[in-house]
Amino acid sequence: MKGGIRFGKKGKLSPRFVGPYQILRRVGKVVYELELPNELASVHPVFHVSVLKKCVGDPTSIVPLEGLCNT
């Protein structure tokens, strides 16, 4: 993956998504700016709606970000 950050290890049981994060503002019709933690300071905080997933479920079952980011 050129110019990207891989989260965790590749495989069936590895987490594919990190979050949830608060939406700060809508930038255009299909772009959103997210409030990212300091650990993701190297990630650009603006995302197209096609790469975002709606958070459905219990917020207490969220996997912590520590240890997922391999930079």
N, C-alpha and C. Protein backbone atom coordinates (compact mmCIF):
# COMPACT_ATOMS: atom_id res chain seq x y z
N MET A 1 0.85 -1.16 0.00
CA MET A 1 0.00 0.00 0.00
C MET A 1 0.90 1.23 0.00
N LYS A 2 0.95 1.94 -1.09
CA LYS A 2 1.83 3.09 -1.22
C LYS A 2 1.22 4.32 -0.57
N GLY A 3 1.95 4.95 0.33
CA GLY A 3 1.49 6.19 0.95
C GLY A 3 0.35 6.01 1.93
N GLY A 4 0.18 4.81 2.46
CA GLY A 4 -0.93 4.57 3.38
C GLY A 4 -0.47 4.00 4.70
N ILE A 5 -1.40 3.87 5.62
CA ILE A 5 -1.13 3.29 6.94
C ILE A 5 -1.95 2.03 7.07
N ARG A 6 -1.30 0.94 7.46
CA ARG A 6 -2.01 -0.32 7.67
C ARG A 6 -2.32 -0.45 9.15
N PHE A 7 -3.57 -0.79 9.47
CA PHE A 7 -4.01 -0.96 10.85
C PHE A 7 -4.01 -2.43 11.18
N GLY A 8 -3.16 -2.84 12.12
CA GLY A 8 -3.14 -4.23 12.54
C GLY A 8 -2.53 -5.15 11.50
N LYS A 9 -2.75 -6.44 11.66
CA LYS A 9 -2.23 -7.44 10.75
C LYS A 9 -3.30 -7.85 9.76
N LYS A 10 -2.88 -8.34 8.60
CA LYS A 10 -3.82 -8.78 7.59
C LYS A 10 -4.29 -10.19 7.95
N GLY A 11 -5.57 -10.43 7.88
CA GLY A 11 -6.11 -11.74 8.19
C GLY A 11 -7.59 -11.66 8.50
N LYS A 12 -8.20 -12.83 8.69
CA LYS A 12 -9.65 -12.89 8.90
C LYS A 12 -10.09 -12.22 10.20
N LEU A 13 -9.35 -12.40 11.27
CA LEU A 13 -9.79 -11.92 12.57
C LEU A 13 -9.21 -10.57 12.96
N SER A 14 -8.43 -9.96 12.09
CA SER A 14 -7.86 -8.66 12.42
C SER A 14 -8.89 -7.55 12.18
N PRO A 15 -8.84 -6.49 12.97
CA PRO A 15 -9.82 -5.40 12.80
C PRO A 15 -9.60 -4.67 11.48
N ARG A 16 -10.69 -4.43 10.76
CA ARG A 16 -10.62 -3.74 9.48
C ARG A 16 -10.95 -2.27 9.61
N PHE A 17 -11.63 -1.91 10.67
CA PHE A 17 -12.05 -0.52 10.85
C PHE A 17 -11.63 -0.04 12.23
N VAL A 18 -11.33 1.23 12.35
CA VAL A 18 -11.04 1.85 13.64
C VAL A 18 -12.08 2.94 13.87
N GLY A 19 -12.40 3.16 15.11
CA GLY A 19 -13.40 4.19 15.39
C GLY A 19 -14.33 3.73 16.48
N PRO A 20 -15.41 4.34 16.71
CA PRO A 20 -16.05 5.42 15.96
C PRO A 20 -15.46 6.78 16.32
N TYR A 21 -15.60 7.71 15.39
CA TYR A 21 -15.13 9.07 15.59
C TYR A 21 -16.25 10.05 15.30
N GLN A 22 -16.22 11.15 16.00
CA GLN A 22 -17.24 12.19 15.86
C GLN A 22 -17.05 12.93 14.54
N ILE A 23 -18.15 13.22 13.85
CA ILE A 23 -18.11 14.03 12.63
C ILE A 23 -18.09 15.49 13.05
N LEU A 24 -17.05 16.22 12.62
CA LEU A 24 -16.93 17.64 12.96
C LEU A 24 -17.77 18.50 12.02
N ARG A 25 -17.66 18.24 10.72
CA ARG A 25 -18.43 19.04 9.77
C ARG A 25 -18.52 18.32 8.44
N ARG A 26 -19.49 18.74 7.66
CA ARG A 26 -19.68 18.21 6.32
C ARG A 26 -18.98 19.16 5.35
N VAL A 27 -18.10 18.60 4.50
CA VAL A 27 -17.35 19.39 3.54
C VAL A 27 -17.84 18.99 2.15
N GLY A 28 -18.74 19.72 1.59
CA GLY A 28 -19.33 19.35 0.30
C GLY A 28 -20.47 18.38 0.50
N LYS A 29 -20.87 17.72 -0.60
CA LYS A 29 -22.03 16.83 -0.55
C LYS A 29 -21.70 15.44 0.00
N VAL A 30 -20.49 14.94 -0.25
CA VAL A 30 -20.18 13.56 0.13
C VAL A 30 -18.86 13.43 0.90
N VAL A 31 -18.40 14.50 1.52
CA VAL A 31 -17.12 14.49 2.24
C VAL A 31 -17.35 14.98 3.67
N TYR A 32 -16.73 14.28 4.63
CA TYR A 32 -16.88 14.63 6.04
C TYR A 32 -15.51 14.76 6.70
N GLU A 33 -15.41 15.72 7.62
CA GLU A 33 -14.21 15.87 8.44
C GLU A 33 -14.48 15.23 9.79
N LEU A 34 -13.57 14.34 10.22
CA LEU A 34 -13.74 13.61 11.47
C LEU A 34 -12.80 14.14 12.54
N GLU A 35 -13.20 13.97 13.79
CA GLU A 35 -12.36 14.31 14.93
C GLU A 35 -11.54 13.07 15.27
N LEU A 36 -10.27 13.07 14.86
CA LEU A 36 -9.39 11.92 15.08
C LEU A 36 -8.54 12.14 16.32
N PRO A 37 -8.16 11.05 17.02
CA PRO A 37 -7.31 11.19 18.20
C PRO A 37 -5.87 11.54 17.81
N ASN A 38 -5.06 11.91 18.78
CA ASN A 38 -3.67 12.29 18.53
C ASN A 38 -2.85 11.15 17.93
N GLU A 39 -3.22 9.90 18.21
CA GLU A 39 -2.49 8.76 17.66
C GLU A 39 -2.59 8.70 16.14
N LEU A 40 -3.63 9.31 15.59
CA LEU A 40 -3.83 9.32 14.14
C LEU A 40 -3.53 10.70 13.55
N ALA A 41 -2.59 11.42 14.15
CA ALA A 41 -2.26 12.77 13.68
C ALA A 41 -1.71 12.77 12.27
N SER A 42 -1.10 11.67 11.84
CA SER A 42 -0.54 11.61 10.49
C SER A 42 -1.58 11.29 9.42
N VAL A 43 -2.82 11.00 9.83
CA VAL A 43 -3.90 10.68 8.91
C VAL A 43 -4.70 11.95 8.61
N HIS A 44 -4.96 12.19 7.33
CA HIS A 44 -5.77 13.36 6.94
C HIS A 44 -7.19 13.16 7.44
N PRO A 45 -7.79 14.12 8.13
CA PRO A 45 -9.09 13.90 8.79
C PRO A 45 -10.32 14.05 7.90
N VAL A 46 -10.15 14.19 6.59
CA VAL A 46 -11.29 14.37 5.68
C VAL A 46 -11.46 13.09 4.86
N PHE A 47 -12.71 12.54 4.87
CA PHE A 47 -12.98 11.25 4.22
C PHE A 47 -14.21 11.34 3.34
N HIS A 48 -14.18 10.62 2.23
CA HIS A 48 -15.35 10.47 1.36
C HIS A 48 -16.33 9.54 2.05
N VAL A 49 -17.61 9.77 1.84
CA VAL A 49 -18.65 9.00 2.51
C VAL A 49 -18.56 7.50 2.16
N SER A 50 -17.98 7.14 1.03
CA SER A 50 -17.89 5.74 0.63
C SER A 50 -16.93 4.93 1.49
N VAL A 51 -15.99 5.57 2.19
CA VAL A 51 -15.06 4.84 3.04
C VAL A 51 -15.47 4.85 4.51
N LEU A 52 -16.57 5.51 4.84
CA LEU A 52 -17.06 5.55 6.21
C LEU A 52 -18.13 4.49 6.42
N LYS A 53 -18.19 3.94 7.61
CA LYS A 53 -19.22 2.96 7.98
C LYS A 53 -20.02 3.51 9.15
N LYS A 54 -21.32 3.28 9.11
CA LYS A 54 -22.17 3.71 10.21
C LYS A 54 -21.90 2.83 11.42
N CYS A 55 -21.77 3.43 12.58
CA CYS A 55 -21.51 2.69 13.81
C CYS A 55 -22.83 2.20 14.39
N VAL A 56 -23.03 0.90 14.31
CA VAL A 56 -24.21 0.29 14.93
C VAL A 56 -23.70 -0.74 15.93
N GLY A 57 -24.19 -0.68 17.13
CA GLY A 57 -23.73 -1.62 18.14
C GLY A 57 -23.44 -0.92 19.45
N ASP A 58 -22.93 -1.70 20.36
CA ASP A 58 -22.63 -1.23 21.70
C ASP A 58 -21.28 -0.50 21.70
N PRO A 59 -21.22 0.77 22.11
CA PRO A 59 -19.95 1.49 22.13
C PRO A 59 -18.93 0.90 23.09
N THR A 60 -19.34 0.08 24.05
CA THR A 60 -18.38 -0.51 24.98
C THR A 60 -17.63 -1.68 24.36
N SER A 61 -18.06 -2.17 23.21
CA SER A 61 -17.38 -3.30 22.57
C SER A 61 -16.39 -2.85 21.51
N ILE A 62 -15.94 -1.61 21.58
CA ILE A 62 -15.01 -1.05 20.60
C ILE A 62 -13.59 -1.49 20.94
N VAL A 63 -12.84 -1.91 19.92
CA VAL A 63 -11.44 -2.31 20.09
C VAL A 63 -10.61 -1.05 20.27
N PRO A 64 -9.74 -0.97 21.30
CA PRO A 64 -8.93 0.23 21.50
C PRO A 64 -7.92 0.40 20.38
N LEU A 65 -7.54 1.65 20.11
CA LEU A 65 -6.64 1.97 19.02
C LEU A 65 -5.20 1.59 19.33
N GLU A 66 -4.81 1.52 20.59
CA GLU A 66 -3.44 1.21 20.96
C GLU A 66 -3.03 -0.15 20.40
N GLY A 67 -1.88 -0.19 19.76
CA GLY A 67 -1.37 -1.45 19.24
C GLY A 67 -1.87 -1.80 17.84
N LEU A 68 -2.78 -1.03 17.27
CA LEU A 68 -3.28 -1.33 15.94
C LEU A 68 -2.51 -0.61 14.85
N CYS A 69 -1.93 0.51 15.16
CA CYS A 69 -1.29 1.36 14.15
C CYS A 69 0.17 0.95 13.99
N ASN A 70 0.52 0.45 12.81
CA ASN A 70 1.90 0.08 12.49
C ASN A 70 2.49 1.15 11.59
N THR A 71 3.22 2.09 12.17
CA THR A 71 3.78 3.16 11.35
C THR A 71 5.25 2.98 11.14
